[in-house]
Amino acid sequence: MSDAFNEREKGFEAKFRLDQELEFKINARRDKLFGLWAAEAMGMAGGGAEAYARSVIAADLEEKGDDDVIRKVFRDLQQHEVDITEGRLRIKLEKFHAEARRQLMSEIESGSDKT
């Protein structure tokens, strides 16, 4: 009986790890999409936009939650005189989260997870 319980517990732990890994990948993809969008709004293109998107991904590792990403992008957009509110940025971030989840789930289902 305890063997079955231990196996079940290991299964739950494995699922939890996979779920955490998936959420991390979704957030990284979301941050990249958000960063590319913000870069475009600031007039960046090509390598500059990609570098900016990487800086947004890195900013998300500073603290738990999304405030670090919002704060960075909001500050950068203000410096480039882009007229947007923090509230609108949060809505954009949520939309990019949904898009990142859709993209990753599609890649996983097709067997081409590229994260």
C-alpha atoms as a PDB file:
ATOM      1  CA  MET A   1       0.000   0.000   0.000  1.00  0.00           C
ATOM      2  CA  SER A   2       2.793   2.437   0.810  1.00  0.00           C
ATOM      3  CA  ASP A   3       4.454   1.627  -2.529  1.00  0.00           C
ATOM      4  CA  ALA A   4       1.336   2.778  -4.367  1.00  0.00           C
ATOM      5  CA  PHE A   5       1.234   5.932  -2.238  1.00  0.00           C
ATOM      6  CA  ASN A   6       4.927   6.632  -2.915  1.00  0.00           C
ATOM      7  CA  GLU A   7       4.454   6.135  -6.661  1.00  0.00           C
ATOM      8  CA  ARG A   8       1.451   8.432  -6.644  1.00  0.00           C
ATOM      9  CA  GLU A   9       3.393  11.053  -4.693  1.00  0.00           C
ATOM     10  CA  LYS A  10       6.292  10.835  -7.169  1.00  0.00           C
ATOM     11  CA  GLY A  11       3.829  11.248 -10.013  1.00  0.00           C
ATOM     12  CA  PHE A  12       2.376  14.399  -8.449  1.00  0.00           C
ATOM     13  CA  GLU A  13       5.868  15.791  -7.865  1.00  0.00           C
ATOM     14  CA  ALA A  14       6.853  15.104 -11.474  1.00  0.00           C
ATOM     15  CA  LYS A  15       3.686  16.779 -12.769  1.00  0.00           C
ATOM     16  CA  PHE A  16       4.312  19.770 -10.517  1.00  0.00           C
ATOM     17  CA  ARG A  17       7.875  20.113 -11.885  1.00  0.00           C
ATOM     18  CA  LEU A  18       6.623  19.887 -15.473  1.00  0.00           C
ATOM     19  CA  ASP A  19       3.901  22.455 -14.783  1.00  0.00           C
ATOM     20  CA  GLN A  20       6.463  24.822 -13.227  1.00  0.00           C
ATOM     21  CA  GLU A  21       8.817  24.371 -16.185  1.00  0.00           C
ATOM     22  CA  LEU A  22       5.993  25.023 -18.647  1.00  0.00           C
ATOM     23  CA  GLU A  23       4.940  28.171 -16.789  1.00  0.00           C
ATOM     24  CA  PHE A  24       8.550  29.398 -16.806  1.00  0.00           C
ATOM     25  CA  LYS A  25       8.739  28.842 -20.585  1.00  0.00           C
ATOM     26  CA  ILE A  26       5.402  30.587 -21.108  1.00  0.00           C
ATOM     27  CA  ASN A  27       6.540  33.605 -19.078  1.00  0.00           C
ATOM     28  CA  ALA A  28       9.848  33.803 -20.948  1.00  0.00           C
ATOM     29  CA  ARG A  29       8.009  33.653 -24.295  1.00  0.00           C
ATOM     30  CA  ARG A  30       5.487  36.231 -23.048  1.00  0.00           C
ATOM     31  CA  ASP A  31       8.283  38.561 -21.980  1.00  0.00           C
ATOM     32  CA  LYS A  32       9.990  38.205 -25.358  1.00  0.00           C
ATOM     33  CA  LEU A  33       6.763  39.027 -27.218  1.00  0.00           C
ATOM     34  CA  PHE A  34       6.128  41.952 -24.853  1.00  0.00           C
ATOM     35  CA  GLY A  35       9.688  43.186 -25.294  1.00  0.00           C
ATOM     36  CA  LEU A  36       9.495  42.977 -29.086  1.00  0.00           C
ATOM     37  CA  TRP A  37       6.222  44.899 -29.042  1.00  0.00           C
ATOM     38  CA  ALA A  38       7.703  47.584 -26.770  1.00  0.00           C
ATOM     39  CA  ALA A  39      10.850  47.780 -28.896  1.00  0.00           C
ATOM     40  CA  GLU A  40       8.728  48.384 -31.981  1.00  0.00           C
ATOM     41  CA  ALA A  41       6.781  51.089 -30.130  1.00  0.00           C
ATOM     42  CA  MET A  42      10.116  52.763 -29.330  1.00  0.00           C
ATOM     43  CA  GLY A  43      11.242  52.560 -32.964  1.00  0.00           C
ATOM     44  CA  MET A  44      13.740  49.724 -32.539  1.00  0.00           C
ATOM     45  CA  ALA A  45      14.183  47.010 -35.135  1.00  0.00           C
ATOM     46  CA  GLY A  46      16.304  43.961 -35.885  1.00  0.00           C
ATOM     47  CA  GLY A  47      19.089  43.183 -33.439  1.00  0.00           C
ATOM     48  CA  GLY A  48      18.234  46.143 -31.240  1.00  0.00           C
ATOM     49  CA  ALA A  49      14.679  44.881 -30.779  1.00  0.00           C
ATOM     50  CA  GLU A  50      15.933  41.360 -30.017  1.00  0.00           C
ATOM     51  CA  ALA A  51      18.423  42.706 -27.463  1.00  0.00           C
ATOM     52  CA  TYR A  52      15.699  44.773 -25.837  1.00  0.00           C
ATOM     53  CA  ALA A  53      13.403  41.727 -25.649  1.00  0.00           C
ATOM     54  CA  ARG A  54      16.202  39.781 -23.908  1.00  0.00           C
ATOM     55  CA  SER A  55      16.537  42.622 -21.392  1.00  0.00           C
ATOM     56  CA  VAL A  56      12.811  42.353 -20.644  1.00  0.00           C
ATOM     57  CA  ILE A  57      13.182  38.600 -20.055  1.00  0.00           C
ATOM     58  CA  ALA A  58      16.088  39.311 -17.687  1.00  0.00           C
ATOM     59  CA  ALA A  59      14.080  41.966 -15.849  1.00  0.00           C
ATOM     60  CA  ASP A  60      11.420  39.377 -15.047  1.00  0.00           C
ATOM     61  CA  LEU A  61      13.971  37.450 -12.968  1.00  0.00           C
ATOM     62  CA  GLU A  62      14.509  40.358 -10.563  1.00  0.00           C
ATOM     63  CA  GLU A  63      11.480  39.728  -8.339  1.00  0.00           C
ATOM     64  CA  LYS A  64       8.407  37.547  -8.084  1.00  0.00           C
ATOM     65  CA  GLY A  65       5.437  38.700 -10.108  1.00  0.00           C
ATOM     66  CA  ASP A  66       5.142  41.023 -13.066  1.00  0.00           C
ATOM     67  CA  ASP A  67       5.860  44.377 -11.452  1.00  0.00           C
ATOM     68  CA  ASP A  68       9.542  44.272 -12.428  1.00  0.00           C
ATOM     69  CA  VAL A  69       8.687  43.794 -16.114  1.00  0.00           C
ATOM     70  CA  ILE A  70       5.962  46.441 -16.107  1.00  0.00           C
ATOM     71  CA  ARG A  71       8.226  48.910 -14.303  1.00  0.00           C
ATOM     72  CA  LYS A  72      11.078  48.421 -16.792  1.00  0.00           C
ATOM     73  CA  VAL A  73       8.963  48.650 -19.935  1.00  0.00           C
ATOM     74  CA  PHE A  74       6.892  51.562 -18.620  1.00  0.00           C
ATOM     75  CA  ARG A  75      10.053  53.518 -17.744  1.00  0.00           C
ATOM     76  CA  ASP A  76      11.632  52.760 -21.125  1.00  0.00           C
ATOM     77  CA  LEU A  77       8.490  53.732 -23.038  1.00  0.00           C
ATOM     78  CA  GLN A  78       8.249  56.990 -21.083  1.00  0.00           C
ATOM     79  CA  GLN A  79      11.883  57.786 -21.963  1.00  0.00           C
ATOM     80  CA  HIS A  80      10.976  57.324 -25.625  1.00  0.00           C
ATOM     81  CA  GLU A  81       7.853  59.480 -25.176  1.00  0.00           C
ATOM     82  CA  VAL A  82       5.426  56.651 -25.921  1.00  0.00           C
ATOM     83  CA  ASP A  83       2.046  57.566 -24.431  1.00  0.00           C
ATOM     84  CA  ILE A  84       0.753  54.539 -22.493  1.00  0.00           C
ATOM     85  CA  THR A  85      -0.457  53.809 -18.973  1.00  0.00           C
ATOM     86  CA  GLU A  86       0.683  51.057 -16.643  1.00  0.00           C
ATOM     87  CA  GLY A  87      -2.838  49.650 -16.832  1.00  0.00           C
ATOM     88  CA  ARG A  88      -2.655  49.320 -20.604  1.00  0.00           C
ATOM     89  CA  LEU A  89       0.759  47.679 -20.256  1.00  0.00           C
ATOM     90  CA  ARG A  90      -0.697  45.099 -17.874  1.00  0.00           C
ATOM     91  CA  ILE A  91      -3.457  44.338 -20.381  1.00  0.00           C
ATOM     92  CA  LYS A  92      -0.842  43.939 -23.139  1.00  0.00           C
ATOM     93  CA  LEU A  93       1.194  41.627 -20.896  1.00  0.00           C
ATOM     94  CA  GLU A  94      -1.885  39.470 -20.239  1.00  0.00           C
ATOM     95  CA  LYS A  95      -2.588  39.238 -23.978  1.00  0.00           C
ATOM     96  CA  PHE A  96       1.006  38.217 -24.649  1.00  0.00           C
ATOM     97  CA  HIS A  97       0.734  35.613 -21.880  1.00  0.00           C
ATOM     98  CA  ALA A  98      -2.266  34.068 -23.623  1.00  0.00           C
ATOM     99  CA  GLU A  99      -0.444  34.158 -26.962  1.00  0.00           C
ATOM    100  CA  ALA A 100       2.711  32.619 -25.489  1.00  0.00           C
ATOM    101  CA  ARG A 101       0.659  29.813 -23.917  1.00  0.00           C
ATOM    102  CA  ARG A 102      -1.115  29.193 -27.225  1.00  0.00           C
ATOM    103  CA  GLN A 103       2.176  29.105 -29.129  1.00  0.00           C
ATOM    104  CA  LEU A 104       3.895  26.764 -26.698  1.00  0.00           C
ATOM    105  CA  MET A 105       0.955  24.388 -26.417  1.00  0.00           C
ATOM    106  CA  SER A 106       0.782  24.257 -30.207  1.00  0.00           C
ATOM    107  CA  GLU A 107       4.501  23.472 -30.389  1.00  0.00           C
ATOM    108  CA  ILE A 108       4.203  20.791 -27.716  1.00  0.00           C
ATOM    109  CA  GLU A 109       1.228  19.178 -29.461  1.00  0.00           C
ATOM    110  CA  SER A 110       3.096  19.151 -32.778  1.00  0.00           C
ATOM    111  CA  GLY A 111       6.258  17.855 -31.112  1.00  0.00           C
ATOM    112  CA  SER A 112       8.339  20.904 -31.993  1.00  0.00           C
ATOM    113  CA  ASP A 113       8.856  22.552 -28.579  1.00  0.00           C
ATOM    114  CA  LYS A 114      11.557  25.156 -29.399  1.00  0.00           C
ATOM    115  CA  THR A 115      11.926  26.897 -26.060  1.00  0.00           C
END
